[in-house]
Amino acid sequence: MTPLDDKATGLPWFKTWRDVYIFVFVSFAIWVGLLVALTVTFS
């Protein structure tokens, strides 16, 4: 395998693993933000 193949994810929207990690981190941050906002709003 070439180094280029090692970085390919095989996913349609994410071409590199860096993009996958960024998506996961941003998704997690959004969920935590929603959890905090809803907790403050409804408590």
PDB file of N, CA and C in Angstrom:
ATOM      1  N   MET A   1       0.834  -1.184   0.000  1.00  0.00           N
ATOM      2  CA  MET A   1       0.000   0.000   0.000  1.00  0.00           C
ATOM      3  C   MET A   1       0.879   1.248   0.000  1.00  0.00           C
ATOM      4  N   THR A   2       0.404   2.252  -0.646  1.00  0.00           N
ATOM      5  CA  THR A   2       1.110   3.518  -0.643  1.00  0.00           C
ATOM      6  C   THR A   2       0.621   4.361   0.528  1.00  0.00           C
ATOM      7  N   PRO A   3       1.381   5.354   0.946  1.00  0.00           N
ATOM      8  CA  PRO A   3       0.919   6.223   2.033  1.00  0.00           C
ATOM      9  C   PRO A   3      -0.407   6.902   1.716  1.00  0.00           C
ATOM     10  N   LEU A   4      -0.668   7.170   0.451  1.00  0.00           N
ATOM     11  CA  LEU A   4      -1.931   7.790   0.070  1.00  0.00           C
ATOM     12  C   LEU A   4      -3.095   6.852   0.372  1.00  0.00           C
ATOM     13  N   ASP A   5      -2.923   5.568   0.154  1.00  0.00           N
ATOM     14  CA  ASP A   5      -3.982   4.607   0.442  1.00  0.00           C
ATOM     15  C   ASP A   5      -4.244   4.473   1.939  1.00  0.00           C
ATOM     16  N   ASP A   6      -3.217   4.655   2.756  1.00  0.00           N
ATOM     17  CA  ASP A   6      -3.394   4.560   4.201  1.00  0.00           C
ATOM     18  C   ASP A   6      -4.280   5.673   4.742  1.00  0.00           C
ATOM     19  N   LYS A   7      -4.296   6.812   4.070  1.00  0.00           N
ATOM     20  CA  LYS A   7      -5.087   7.936   4.546  1.00  0.00           C
ATOM     21  C   LYS A   7      -6.514   7.928   3.996  1.00  0.00           C
ATOM     22  N   ALA A   8      -6.801   7.101   3.033  1.00  0.00           N
ATOM     23  CA  ALA A   8      -8.143   7.043   2.452  1.00  0.00           C
ATOM     24  C   ALA A   8      -9.083   6.332   3.411  1.00  0.00           C
ATOM     25  N   THR A   9     -10.289   6.859   3.558  1.00  0.00           N
ATOM     26  CA  THR A   9     -11.248   6.283   4.494  1.00  0.00           C
ATOM     27  C   THR A   9     -12.225   5.335   3.806  1.00  0.00           C
ATOM     28  N   GLY A  10     -12.465   5.540   2.528  1.00  0.00           N
ATOM     29  CA  GLY A  10     -13.471   4.750   1.836  1.00  0.00           C
ATOM     30  C   GLY A  10     -14.879   5.270   2.050  1.00  0.00           C
ATOM     31  N   LEU A  11     -15.006   6.387   2.761  1.00  0.00           N
ATOM     32  CA  LEU A  11     -16.308   6.993   3.014  1.00  0.00           C
ATOM     33  C   LEU A  11     -16.621   8.003   1.915  1.00  0.00           C
ATOM     34  N   PRO A  12     -17.896   8.171   1.582  1.00  0.00           N
ATOM     35  CA  PRO A  12     -18.226   9.073   0.475  1.00  0.00           C
ATOM     36  C   PRO A  12     -17.980  10.554   0.774  1.00  0.00           C
ATOM     37  N   TRP A  13     -18.175  10.998   2.018  1.00  0.00           N
ATOM     38  CA  TRP A  13     -18.048  12.432   2.303  1.00  0.00           C
ATOM     39  C   TRP A  13     -16.727  12.804   2.923  1.00  0.00           C
ATOM     40  N   PHE A  14     -16.043  11.861   3.525  1.00  0.00           N
ATOM     41  CA  PHE A  14     -14.796  12.157   4.208  1.00  0.00           C
ATOM     42  C   PHE A  14     -13.657  11.465   3.488  1.00  0.00           C
ATOM     43  N   LYS A  15     -12.803  12.239   2.862  1.00  0.00           N
ATOM     44  CA  LYS A  15     -11.714  11.674   2.066  1.00  0.00           C
ATOM     45  C   LYS A  15     -10.496  11.330   2.908  1.00  0.00           C
ATOM     46  N   THR A  16     -10.302  12.031   4.055  1.00  0.00           N
ATOM     47  CA  THR A  16      -9.147  11.748   4.911  1.00  0.00           C
ATOM     48  C   THR A  16      -9.629  11.489   6.330  1.00  0.00           C
ATOM     49  N   TRP A  17      -8.782  10.835   7.104  1.00  0.00           N
ATOM     50  CA  TRP A  17      -9.127  10.558   8.507  1.00  0.00           C
ATOM     51  C   TRP A  17      -9.187  11.846   9.312  1.00  0.00           C
ATOM     52  N   ARG A  18      -8.432  12.848   8.903  1.00  0.00           N
ATOM     53  CA  ARG A  18      -8.492  14.141   9.604  1.00  0.00           C
ATOM     54  C   ARG A  18      -9.897  14.724   9.515  1.00  0.00           C
ATOM     55  N   ASP A  19     -10.534  14.625   8.355  1.00  0.00           N
ATOM     56  CA  ASP A  19     -11.905  15.106   8.192  1.00  0.00           C
ATOM     57  C   ASP A  19     -12.876  14.341   9.092  1.00  0.00           C
ATOM     58  N   VAL A  20     -12.662  13.039   9.228  1.00  0.00           N
ATOM     59  CA  VAL A  20     -13.523  12.220  10.086  1.00  0.00           C
ATOM     60  C   VAL A  20     -13.384  12.673  11.536  1.00  0.00           C
ATOM     61  N   TYR A  21     -12.142  12.871  11.996  1.00  0.00           N
ATOM     62  CA  TYR A  21     -11.923  13.294  13.370  1.00  0.00           C
ATOM     63  C   TYR A  21     -12.516  14.673  13.637  1.00  0.00           C
ATOM     64  N   ILE A  22     -12.390  15.579  12.687  1.00  0.00           N
ATOM     65  CA  ILE A  22     -12.976  16.914  12.838  1.00  0.00           C
ATOM     66  C   ILE A  22     -14.492  16.808  12.935  1.00  0.00           C
ATOM     67  N   PHE A  23     -15.111  15.994  12.090  1.00  0.00           N
ATOM     68  CA  PHE A  23     -16.561  15.822  12.126  1.00  0.00           C
ATOM     69  C   PHE A  23     -17.015  15.258  13.466  1.00  0.00           C
ATOM     70  N   VAL A  24     -16.316  14.260  13.973  1.00  0.00           N
ATOM     71  CA  VAL A  24     -16.682  13.656  15.261  1.00  0.00           C
ATOM     72  C   VAL A  24     -16.549  14.674  16.386  1.00  0.00           C
ATOM     73  N   PHE A  25     -15.457  15.434  16.394  1.00  0.00           N
ATOM     74  CA  PHE A  25     -15.250  16.433  17.442  1.00  0.00           C
ATOM     75  C   PHE A  25     -16.317  17.528  17.392  1.00  0.00           C
ATOM     76  N   VAL A  26     -16.633  18.020  16.196  1.00  0.00           N
ATOM     77  CA  VAL A  26     -17.647  19.074  16.059  1.00  0.00           C
ATOM     78  C   VAL A  26     -19.016  18.543  16.466  1.00  0.00           C
ATOM     79  N   SER A  27     -19.344  17.322  16.068  1.00  0.00           N
ATOM     80  CA  SER A  27     -20.622  16.722  16.463  1.00  0.00           C
ATOM     81  C   SER A  27     -20.715  16.605  17.981  1.00  0.00           C
ATOM     82  N   PHE A  28     -19.640  16.144  18.613  1.00  0.00           N
ATOM     83  CA  PHE A  28     -19.622  16.025  20.059  1.00  0.00           C
ATOM     84  C   PHE A  28     -19.802  17.394  20.719  1.00  0.00           C
ATOM     85  N   ALA A  29     -19.113  18.400  20.211  1.00  0.00           N
ATOM     86  CA  ALA A  29     -19.217  19.749  20.775  1.00  0.00           C
ATOM     87  C   ALA A  29     -20.638  20.294  20.630  1.00  0.00           C
ATOM     88  N   ILE A  30     -21.286  20.029  19.512  1.00  0.00           N
ATOM     89  CA  ILE A  30     -22.674  20.480  19.317  1.00  0.00           C
ATOM     90  C   ILE A  30     -23.605  19.799  20.315  1.00  0.00           C
ATOM     91  N   TRP A  31     -23.458  18.490  20.511  1.00  0.00           N
ATOM     92  CA  TRP A  31     -24.302  17.762  21.456  1.00  0.00           C
ATOM     93  C   TRP A  31     -24.089  18.265  22.879  1.00  0.00           C
ATOM     94  N   VAL A  32     -22.848  18.506  23.268  1.00  0.00           N
ATOM     95  CA  VAL A  32     -22.576  19.028  24.611  1.00  0.00           C
ATOM     96  C   VAL A  32     -23.172  20.423  24.756  1.00  0.00           C
ATOM     97  N   GLY A  33     -23.036  21.252  23.720  1.00  0.00           N
ATOM     98  CA  GLY A  33     -23.627  22.591  23.753  1.00  0.00           C
ATOM     99  C   GLY A  33     -25.139  22.543  23.887  1.00  0.00           C
ATOM    100  N   LEU A  34     -25.774  21.648  23.154  1.00  0.00           N
ATOM    101  CA  LEU A  34     -27.231  21.490  23.276  1.00  0.00           C
ATOM    102  C   LEU A  34     -27.623  20.991  24.660  1.00  0.00           C
ATOM    103  N   LEU A  35     -26.866  20.045  25.189  1.00  0.00           N
ATOM    104  CA  LEU A  35     -27.146  19.535  26.525  1.00  0.00           C
ATOM    105  C   LEU A  35     -27.070  20.646  27.564  1.00  0.00           C
ATOM    106  N   VAL A  36     -26.046  21.464  27.489  1.00  0.00           N
ATOM    107  CA  VAL A  36     -25.886  22.569  28.441  1.00  0.00           C
ATOM    108  C   VAL A  36     -27.010  23.584  28.249  1.00  0.00           C
ATOM    109  N   ALA A  37     -27.296  23.958  27.010  1.00  0.00           N
ATOM    110  CA  ALA A  37     -28.319  24.963  26.750  1.00  0.00           C
ATOM    111  C   ALA A  37     -29.699  24.494  27.222  1.00  0.00           C
ATOM    112  N   LEU A  38     -30.037  23.251  26.951  1.00  0.00           N
ATOM    113  CA  LEU A  38     -31.342  22.740  27.365  1.00  0.00           C
ATOM    114  C   LEU A  38     -31.420  22.554  28.878  1.00  0.00           C
ATOM    115  N   THR A  39     -30.322  22.182  29.496  1.00  0.00           N
ATOM    116  CA  THR A  39     -30.300  22.056  30.952  1.00  0.00           C
ATOM    117  C   THR A  39     -30.525  23.407  31.615  1.00  0.00           C
ATOM    118  N   VAL A  40     -29.854  24.436  31.109  1.00  0.00           N
ATOM    119  CA  VAL A  40     -30.023  25.771  31.672  1.00  0.00           C
ATOM    120  C   VAL A  40     -31.432  26.292  31.408  1.00  0.00           C
ATOM    121  N   THR A  41     -31.953  26.020  30.233  1.00  0.00           N
ATOM    122  CA  THR A  41     -33.275  26.532  29.860  1.00  0.00           C
ATOM    123  C   THR A  41     -34.398  25.900  30.683  1.00  0.00           C
ATOM    124  N   PHE A  42     -34.336  24.597  30.894  1.00  0.00           N
ATOM    125  CA  PHE A  42     -35.450  23.888  31.522  1.00  0.00           C
ATOM    126  C   PHE A  42     -35.209  23.517  32.981  1.00  0.00           C
ATOM    127  N   SER A  43     -34.215  24.101  33.618  1.00  0.00           N
ATOM    128  CA  SER A  43     -34.009  23.785  35.035  1.00  0.00           C
ATOM    129  C   SER A  43     -34.304  24.982  35.923  1.00  0.00           C
TER     130      SER A  43
END
